[in-house]
Structure formats: C-alpha cells, structure tokens
Amino acid sequence: MAPPKAPTYVLVTGATGFIGAHVVDSLLARGLRVRGATRSAAKGDAMLRARRDKFPAGQLNFVVTGHFSAGENAFPTSAFEGGIDAVIHVASPLTYTTTDNEKELIVPAINGVKSVMEAATSVGGVKRVVLTSSFAAVIDLDRSAAAAAGKEPYFTYTGADWNPLTYKEAAAPETSAVVAYRGSKKFAELAAWDFVRDNKPGFDLVTLCPPMTFGPVVNPIKRVSEFGESNAMLWKVASGEPLPVSRVPFWVDVRDLAEAHVEALLRPEAGGKRYIPASPERFSYSMAAEIMIENFKSVEQRRKGLKTEEQTIDDSHGVDGEAVARELGVEYGSFRDMLLDFVAQADELEFWGDRGGALRR
C-alpha cells in the first residue's frame, strides 16, 4: 500500500495567537500553503504584512470565523474551500474570570473541537487533524503532590495519563476557574478522540499536551500587557515584580512546540498518538531571574533591591518529552537561550509599545 499523500494546504485555527502564529511560520517555512482562522481581521492583516517579504504571495491567507462552537456559530465549512487537506486546531477558550465554569469554559472548548471536526468531516479531503491540548489534561495533582511529599516513588507522565478530574467537579460553581480550565482541556481532548472513534471520519488525530509554554512572540501584539499567561509570568520576573510560584517545573519553547505540531502533521506514523512536548530541562522562576539579571542590565535595574529567594525545583516525578524528540525529531532548545530571546524582544516591545510603535521583526 502506498504511503498517504503528504498535506499541502493546512488550516490553522487560533492562527494569530501565541502558539498558532509560530505554527503558521513553521508550516510556511516547509513550503506548505496555510489558511489561518482568526476572530480578528485586523490581526490577520497584520500577520500578512509582517510576512509579506519573507514568503511567496498567496502562500498564506486568512479567514475570519468569529467565535465558533455549535449550532448557528458552528465552524464554517467555507474555511475549507480551495483544497484544505489537514487541520491544526490550536484555538481554545482561556479565561480565569468566569462566573459559570461550564458555560464559559468547558462547553465552548468541547463544542469548538466538535465543530471543527464536524466541518472537516462534512467537506471531505482532510487526512489529519492535530489538536493542541495541554498538560492540564494529563496531570494528576494529587499524585504529583504525593510524589513531592515522598509518599509515592518517582514516576513519569506519558501520553497514556489523564487528569482524573470529573466533569461534575470541573463544572461545579464552587470550583475555581484554574481547576475548571484543566477540566476544559481534558474534556475537549476526549471529545476529539471520541469523535474519531464514533464517526470514523476520513482523517486521523494526533494530540499534543504541552506544559508551560514560553518564548518570543511572532503574533501581532503591541505591548507587554498582551502577553499570554505563560510569558506574562516571565515578564513579571523581568519587570521587577515578586517571583511567581511555579505550578509545575515542566516547560517547552514555543518554537519547539510549533515544530512538534508540524512533525505530528507530516509523519504518517504519528497518527492516533498523544504526546507531551516538554524540554528535558526543568525550570523555576528564581532560575529565570538569575539568568535575566546576569544577561540584561534592564532586568538588573528593575530587580535591584529585591531579594530573589531560590525556588526548589520539584524533581520527584517527570514527563516523557523524549517521545517527541524520538518519534517527531524535535530538538529542544535550552531554557537560557529561550530567555535571552524572550527578554530581548520583551524589552524592545515595552519601549516601543509605550510610544505607539510596533515591535520590529
């Protein structure tokens, strides 16, 4: 039997976001055509302008989808016109200010996944869907805490592990938005696997479950206040605020994560698998502060007079990021190199953002 034909025209949802924009660039660098789905025509136009001199005209285009979930707001099948043969679904709701966990976080995440997969099934021609899930769908906080307390021997999270949170617990009114978010990622990913199992569409599925994702941005933002959650934590360190507390010691460079998405799309043998893209190097925010202070006078000045207490890095358990390196060929960059790139860019963004300028590329 001949191997499946490699995709040539990829639809990326959440294409103007932090991770999505890096995925777009990685696909473009491979010579693939890309259609980005975005809620903002202005952001799509900004990304096109920034790439105008780097990639051939017509290699990248955008479609505005608005908010999509189900019913009248279902993902438009028109987004697949022109020969889309693969999907990387990055878009997902994220908010920690919910008043209704189920309505604002969990249901939109589930329906968003279903809506994209239903549209891909109805138009035909799509051979693979790669879904950005999260380590939040993997981690068992009680098990991690037990290991950290010495009550459980060392273990390694793999793609076979699932967060044990129940739907009822995630949706409960008294549940914090942080916990509900972990539920939204779990049940959205499960919905994707269930869809493929139950509907047997013409495509297979690969899911990626990254932990904290850091690195420079290539999506259109104008100021540091627009950083996503993970980078916002690093900026707190760089800008002289008290050190955040690390929820987990695991991380991945967004550029490596983007490469993992593209390799998961292009490698036939990846179909049906679930991966945790994670660097073998662990981190803490005190470690980040030391590297920043050592390499940037701006950070040294902003943190002057602040005591940087060393944070203990939890080494009681691990994650199997090696599967991504072994099976997808991703070579992880170092925490130090990621920080140098991030802070250099963030300092420039802070300077120009306050003056109404744009981040130079």
Protein backbone atom coordinates (compact mmCIF):
# COMPACT_ATOMS: atom_id res chain seq x y z
CA MET A 1 0.00 0.00 0.00
CA ALA A 2 1.33 3.44 -0.96
CA PRO A 3 2.01 5.85 1.95
CA PRO A 4 -0.62 8.55 2.46
CA LYS A 5 -0.08 11.72 0.47
CA ALA A 6 1.58 14.49 2.47
CA PRO A 7 -0.66 17.50 3.17
CA THR A 8 -0.11 20.62 1.09
CA TYR A 9 -2.73 23.10 2.36
CA VAL A 10 -3.23 23.39 6.11
CA LEU A 11 -5.96 25.17 8.08
CA VAL A 12 -4.71 26.56 11.41
CA THR A 13 -7.26 27.75 13.97
CA GLY A 14 -6.11 30.33 16.50
CA ALA A 15 -3.54 31.35 13.91
CA THR A 16 -2.99 34.87 15.28
CA GLY A 17 -2.39 33.62 18.83
CA PHE A 18 0.93 32.95 20.58
CA ILE A 19 1.26 29.28 19.65
CA GLY A 20 -0.77 29.43 16.45
CA ALA A 21 1.41 32.11 14.82
CA HIS A 22 4.54 30.04 15.43
CA VAL A 23 2.79 27.02 13.92
CA VAL A 24 1.90 29.11 10.87
CA ASP A 25 5.53 30.18 10.43
CA SER A 26 6.81 26.62 10.79
CA LEU A 27 4.38 25.42 8.12
CA LEU A 28 5.29 28.27 5.79
CA ALA A 29 8.99 27.52 6.25
CA ARG A 30 8.31 23.99 4.99
CA GLY A 31 6.73 25.40 1.84
CA LEU A 32 3.17 24.46 2.78
CA ARG A 33 0.20 26.68 2.00
CA VAL A 34 -1.59 27.91 5.10
CA ARG A 35 -5.02 29.32 5.81
CA GLY A 36 -5.27 30.92 9.21
CA ALA A 37 -8.58 31.07 11.03
CA THR A 38 -8.92 34.10 13.27
CA ARG A 39 -11.58 36.13 15.07
CA SER A 40 -9.82 39.37 14.10
CA ALA A 41 -9.40 40.50 10.50
CA ALA A 42 -7.00 43.22 11.72
CA LYS A 43 -4.68 40.66 13.32
CA GLY A 44 -4.79 38.51 10.20
CA ASP A 45 -3.85 41.52 8.09
CA ALA A 46 -1.02 42.37 10.48
CA MET A 47 0.41 38.87 10.19
CA LEU A 48 0.21 39.02 6.40
CA ARG A 49 2.07 42.35 6.32
CA ALA A 50 4.81 41.03 8.61
CA ARG A 51 5.41 38.04 6.33
CA ARG A 52 4.98 39.78 3.00
CA ASP A 53 8.71 39.91 2.19
CA LYS A 54 9.58 36.51 3.64
CA PHE A 55 7.15 34.13 1.96
CA PRO A 56 5.65 33.99 -1.56
CA ALA A 57 2.41 35.87 -2.17
CA GLY A 58 -0.57 33.59 -1.76
CA GLN A 59 1.19 31.07 0.49
CA LEU A 60 -0.71 32.47 3.50
CA ASN A 61 -4.28 33.71 3.69
CA PHE A 62 -6.80 34.25 6.46
CA VAL A 63 -10.46 33.60 7.08
CA VAL A 64 -12.41 35.35 9.83
CA THR A 65 -14.54 32.84 11.73
CA GLY A 66 -15.65 34.78 14.79
CA HIS A 67 -16.46 32.74 17.88
CA PHE A 68 -17.38 29.20 16.93
CA SER A 69 -18.80 26.34 18.96
CA ALA A 70 -22.05 24.78 17.74
CA GLY A 71 -25.41 25.46 16.09
CA GLU A 72 -25.55 28.83 14.37
CA ASN A 73 -21.98 29.51 15.50
CA ALA A 74 -20.57 26.28 14.03
CA PHE A 75 -17.18 26.42 12.36
CA PRO A 76 -17.80 27.45 8.73
CA THR A 77 -17.25 24.79 6.10
CA SER A 78 -16.30 27.61 3.73
CA ALA A 79 -12.97 27.80 5.58
CA PHE A 80 -12.04 24.50 3.90
CA GLU A 81 -12.61 25.72 0.34
CA GLY A 82 -9.67 25.54 -2.07
CA GLY A 83 -8.30 22.14 -1.13
CA ILE A 84 -7.58 22.17 2.61
CA ASP A 85 -6.28 18.68 3.39
CA ALA A 86 -5.14 19.00 7.03
CA VAL A 87 -6.06 20.92 10.18
CA ILE A 88 -4.07 22.10 13.19
CA HIS A 89 -6.61 23.14 15.81
CA VAL A 90 -4.92 25.48 18.28
CA ALA A 91 -7.79 27.80 19.27
CA SER A 92 -9.32 27.24 22.70
CA PRO A 93 -11.08 29.46 25.25
CA LEU A 94 -8.97 30.64 28.18
CA THR A 95 -10.22 32.86 30.97
CA TYR A 96 -9.78 32.88 34.72
CA THR A 97 -12.61 35.32 35.37
CA THR A 98 -15.56 33.03 34.74
CA THR A 99 -18.87 33.30 36.51
CA ASP A 100 -20.08 29.99 35.04
CA ASN A 101 -17.33 27.39 34.55
CA GLU A 102 -19.41 25.06 32.42
CA LYS A 103 -20.94 27.71 30.17
CA GLU A 104 -17.85 29.88 29.71
CA LEU A 105 -15.00 27.36 29.69
CA ILE A 106 -15.91 23.70 29.40
CA VAL A 107 -18.77 23.67 26.89
CA PRO A 108 -17.12 26.17 24.49
CA ALA A 109 -13.90 24.12 24.46
CA ILE A 110 -15.76 20.87 23.78
CA ASN A 111 -18.07 22.36 21.17
CA GLY A 112 -15.19 24.15 19.48
CA VAL A 113 -13.37 20.86 18.92
CA LYS A 114 -16.51 19.10 17.75
CA SER A 115 -17.42 21.96 15.43
CA VAL A 116 -14.05 21.92 13.65
CA MET A 117 -14.09 18.13 13.30
CA GLU A 118 -17.67 18.08 12.05
CA ALA A 119 -16.83 20.69 9.42
CA ALA A 120 -13.71 18.77 8.36
CA THR A 121 -15.78 15.59 8.05
CA SER A 122 -18.56 17.18 6.03
CA VAL A 123 -16.28 18.75 3.40
CA GLY A 124 -14.07 15.68 2.98
CA GLY A 125 -10.46 15.68 1.84
CA VAL A 126 -8.92 16.27 5.28
CA LYS A 127 -6.48 13.48 6.16
CA ARG A 128 -5.20 14.51 9.58
CA VAL A 129 -6.17 16.78 12.47
CA VAL A 130 -3.54 17.84 15.01
CA LEU A 131 -5.05 19.18 18.23
CA THR A 132 -3.31 21.42 20.75
CA SER A 133 -4.37 20.05 24.11
CA SER A 134 -2.48 20.74 27.34
CA PHE A 135 -0.51 19.12 30.13
CA ALA A 136 -3.53 20.20 32.16
CA ALA A 137 -5.34 17.26 30.54
CA VAL A 138 -2.59 14.92 31.78
CA ILE A 139 -1.54 15.95 35.27
CA ASP A 140 -2.88 14.30 38.41
CA LEU A 141 -2.26 16.93 41.08
CA ASP A 142 -2.79 14.53 43.98
CA ARG A 143 -0.29 12.06 42.56
CA SER A 144 2.25 14.82 41.91
CA ALA A 145 1.81 16.14 45.45
CA ALA A 146 2.22 12.65 46.90
CA ALA A 147 5.48 12.19 45.00
CA ALA A 148 6.73 15.61 46.11
CA ALA A 149 5.97 14.64 49.73
CA GLY A 150 7.87 11.38 49.37
CA LYS A 151 4.71 9.29 49.63
CA GLU A 152 4.96 7.88 46.12
CA PRO A 153 8.04 6.72 44.20
CA TYR A 154 9.33 8.59 41.17
CA PHE A 155 7.10 8.30 38.11
CA THR A 156 6.91 9.79 34.64
CA TYR A 157 3.81 11.22 33.00
CA THR A 158 3.28 9.88 29.48
CA GLY A 159 0.70 10.29 26.76
CA ALA A 160 -1.27 7.48 28.37
CA ASP A 161 -2.02 9.53 31.51
CA TRP A 162 -5.16 11.59 32.04
CA ASN A 163 -6.15 14.18 34.60
CA PRO A 164 -8.63 12.33 36.91
CA LEU A 165 -10.89 15.39 37.32
CA THR A 166 -14.54 14.53 36.68
CA TYR A 167 -16.89 16.63 34.59
CA LYS A 168 -19.05 17.28 37.65
CA GLU A 169 -16.05 18.53 39.64
CA ALA A 170 -14.86 20.78 36.81
CA ALA A 171 -18.29 22.31 36.20
CA ALA A 172 -19.25 22.86 39.84
CA PRO A 173 -19.96 26.53 40.71
CA GLU A 174 -17.58 26.37 43.66
CA THR A 175 -14.69 25.09 41.51
CA SER A 176 -12.01 27.67 40.76
CA ALA A 177 -11.54 28.77 37.15
CA VAL A 178 -8.00 27.35 37.20
CA VAL A 179 -9.34 23.89 38.01
CA ALA A 180 -12.21 24.29 35.55
CA TYR A 181 -9.66 25.15 32.85
CA ARG A 182 -7.91 21.82 33.47
CA GLY A 183 -11.27 20.16 33.02
CA SER A 184 -11.98 22.05 29.82
CA LYS A 185 -8.74 20.84 28.26
CA LYS A 186 -9.36 17.26 29.31
CA PHE A 187 -12.94 17.03 28.09
CA ALA A 188 -12.26 18.90 24.86
CA GLU A 189 -9.47 16.47 24.01
CA LEU A 190 -11.61 13.48 24.98
CA ALA A 191 -14.33 14.83 22.69
CA ALA A 192 -11.85 14.79 19.82
CA TRP A 193 -10.84 11.17 20.45
CA ASP A 194 -14.47 10.15 20.88
CA PHE A 195 -15.40 11.87 17.61
CA VAL A 196 -12.80 9.94 15.63
CA ARG A 197 -13.78 6.66 17.31
CA ASP A 198 -17.52 7.10 16.84
CA ASN A 199 -17.66 8.76 13.41
CA LYS A 200 -14.68 7.16 11.68
CA PRO A 201 -14.02 10.24 9.52
CA GLY A 202 -11.54 10.33 6.66
CA PHE A 203 -8.86 11.76 8.94
CA ASP A 204 -6.87 10.55 11.92
CA LEU A 205 -5.93 12.52 15.03
CA VAL A 206 -2.76 13.49 16.87
CA THR A 207 -2.87 15.45 20.13
CA LEU A 208 -0.12 17.45 21.84
CA CYS A 209 -0.21 18.22 25.57
CA PRO A 210 2.41 20.91 26.32
CA PRO A 211 3.16 22.25 29.82
CA MET A 212 4.18 25.90 30.41
CA THR A 213 5.00 27.37 27.01
CA PHE A 214 7.47 30.24 26.84
CA GLY A 215 9.34 32.15 24.16
CA PRO A 216 9.39 35.14 21.83
CA VAL A 217 6.21 36.15 20.04
CA VAL A 218 5.56 36.31 16.29
CA ASN A 219 1.86 37.14 16.57
CA PRO A 220 0.64 40.74 16.31
CA ILE A 221 0.75 42.36 19.75
CA LYS A 222 1.64 45.96 20.60
CA ARG A 223 2.59 45.91 24.27
CA VAL A 224 3.80 43.59 27.01
CA SER A 225 0.37 43.63 28.67
CA GLU A 226 -0.82 41.48 25.75
CA PHE A 227 1.47 38.56 26.60
CA GLY A 228 -0.30 35.26 27.18
CA GLU A 229 -0.38 33.67 30.60
CA SER A 230 2.96 31.83 30.47
CA ASN A 231 5.01 34.68 29.03
CA ALA A 232 3.27 37.08 31.41
CA MET A 233 4.85 35.13 34.27
CA LEU A 234 8.31 35.59 32.77
CA TRP A 235 7.64 39.29 32.25
CA LYS A 236 6.76 39.63 35.93
CA VAL A 237 10.24 38.36 36.69
CA ALA A 238 11.87 40.66 34.11
CA SER A 239 9.91 43.74 35.18
CA GLY A 240 10.80 43.52 38.85
CA GLU A 241 7.64 42.05 40.35
CA PRO A 242 7.66 39.37 43.06
CA LEU A 243 8.53 35.94 41.71
CA PRO A 244 5.52 33.85 40.66
CA VAL A 245 5.16 30.35 42.07
CA SER A 246 5.79 27.59 39.56
CA ARG A 247 2.79 25.27 39.26
CA VAL A 248 4.94 22.66 37.50
CA PRO A 249 8.68 22.51 36.69
CA PHE A 250 8.00 21.45 33.10
CA TRP A 251 8.12 23.76 30.10
CA VAL A 252 8.63 23.93 26.34
CA ASP A 253 9.94 26.60 23.98
CA VAL A 254 7.06 27.72 21.76
CA ARG A 255 9.28 27.31 18.70
CA ASP A 256 9.92 23.66 19.57
CA LEU A 257 6.21 23.20 20.20
CA ALA A 258 5.44 24.60 16.76
CA GLU A 259 7.89 22.15 15.19
CA ALA A 260 6.21 19.33 17.10
CA HIS A 261 2.87 20.34 15.57
CA VAL A 262 4.28 20.31 12.05
CA GLU A 263 6.08 16.99 12.52
CA ALA A 264 2.93 15.48 14.04
CA LEU A 265 1.12 16.58 10.89
CA LEU A 266 3.66 15.33 8.36
CA ARG A 267 4.77 11.99 9.83
CA PRO A 268 2.32 9.20 8.88
CA GLU A 269 3.37 7.07 11.87
CA ALA A 270 2.24 9.77 14.33
CA GLY A 271 -1.43 9.17 13.55
CA GLY A 272 -3.53 8.16 16.55
CA LYS A 273 -0.90 9.18 19.11
CA ARG A 274 -0.82 11.55 22.06
CA TYR A 275 2.38 13.38 23.01
CA ILE A 276 3.73 15.64 25.76
CA PRO A 277 6.15 18.13 24.17
CA ALA A 278 8.37 19.09 27.12
CA SER A 279 12.00 20.04 27.49
CA PRO A 280 14.22 17.65 29.50
CA GLU A 281 15.40 20.74 31.41
CA ARG A 282 13.27 21.85 34.36
CA PHE A 283 12.79 25.44 35.44
CA SER A 284 11.88 27.77 38.27
CA TYR A 285 11.24 31.49 38.23
CA SER A 286 14.21 32.11 40.53
CA MET A 287 16.36 30.31 37.96
CA ALA A 288 14.85 32.60 35.30
CA ALA A 289 15.63 35.68 37.43
CA GLU A 290 19.29 34.70 37.81
CA ILE A 291 19.73 34.23 34.06
CA MET A 292 17.94 37.50 33.28
CA ILE A 293 19.93 39.55 35.80
CA GLU A 294 23.19 38.08 34.56
CA ASN A 295 22.45 38.96 30.93
CA PHE A 296 20.31 42.12 30.97
CA LYS A 297 21.10 45.42 32.68
CA SER A 298 17.42 46.36 32.30
CA VAL A 299 16.38 43.42 34.47
CA GLU A 300 19.21 44.03 36.93
CA GLN A 301 17.99 47.59 37.39
CA ARG A 302 14.31 46.66 37.69
CA ARG A 303 15.02 43.93 40.24
CA LYS A 304 17.57 45.98 42.20
CA GLY A 305 16.90 45.76 45.89
CA LEU A 306 14.56 42.78 45.54
CA LYS A 307 15.64 39.61 47.26
CA THR A 308 15.49 36.67 44.87
CA GLU A 309 14.78 33.63 47.02
CA GLU A 310 15.81 30.38 45.44
CA GLN A 311 12.83 28.23 44.50
CA THR A 312 13.18 24.48 44.84
CA ILE A 313 12.67 22.66 41.56
CA ASP A 314 10.46 19.61 42.03
CA ASP A 315 12.31 16.53 40.76
CA SER A 316 10.02 13.93 42.36
CA HIS A 317 8.42 13.00 39.03
CA GLY A 318 8.91 13.66 35.33
CA VAL A 319 7.30 13.89 31.91
CA ASP A 320 8.01 11.90 28.77
CA GLY A 321 9.08 14.69 26.45
CA GLU A 322 11.57 12.28 24.94
CA ALA A 323 8.85 10.63 22.84
CA VAL A 324 8.52 13.89 20.87
CA ALA A 325 12.28 14.02 20.33
CA ARG A 326 12.48 10.35 19.35
CA GLU A 327 9.34 9.99 17.22
CA LEU A 328 8.90 13.53 15.87
CA GLY A 329 12.56 14.53 15.62
CA VAL A 330 12.23 17.70 17.69
CA GLU A 331 15.46 19.01 19.23
CA TYR A 332 14.70 21.01 22.37
CA GLY A 333 16.38 24.35 22.91
CA SER A 334 17.74 25.45 26.28
CA PHE A 335 15.91 27.49 28.91
CA ARG A 336 18.71 30.05 28.86
CA ASP A 337 18.56 30.61 25.10
CA MET A 338 14.77 30.91 25.20
CA LEU A 339 15.02 33.52 27.97
CA LEU A 340 17.65 35.57 26.13
CA ASP A 341 15.43 35.72 23.05
CA PHE A 342 12.30 36.47 25.06
CA VAL A 343 13.71 39.26 27.26
CA ALA A 344 15.48 40.99 24.36
CA GLN A 345 12.20 41.09 22.49
CA ALA A 346 10.11 42.00 25.53
CA ASP A 347 12.37 44.94 26.41
CA GLU A 348 12.02 46.27 22.88
CA LEU A 349 8.28 45.74 22.93
CA GLU A 350 7.93 47.56 26.23
CA PHE A 351 9.96 50.52 24.91
CA TRP A 352 8.12 50.86 21.62
CA GLY A 353 4.71 49.83 22.90
CA ASP A 354 4.53 52.78 25.27
CA ARG A 355 5.36 55.07 22.35
CA GLY A 356 2.69 53.80 20.00
CA GLY A 357 5.22 51.95 17.85
CA ALA A 358 5.24 48.36 16.75
CA LEU A 359 7.58 45.53 17.58
CA ARG A 360 10.31 45.30 14.98
CA ARG A 361 10.69 41.93 13.26
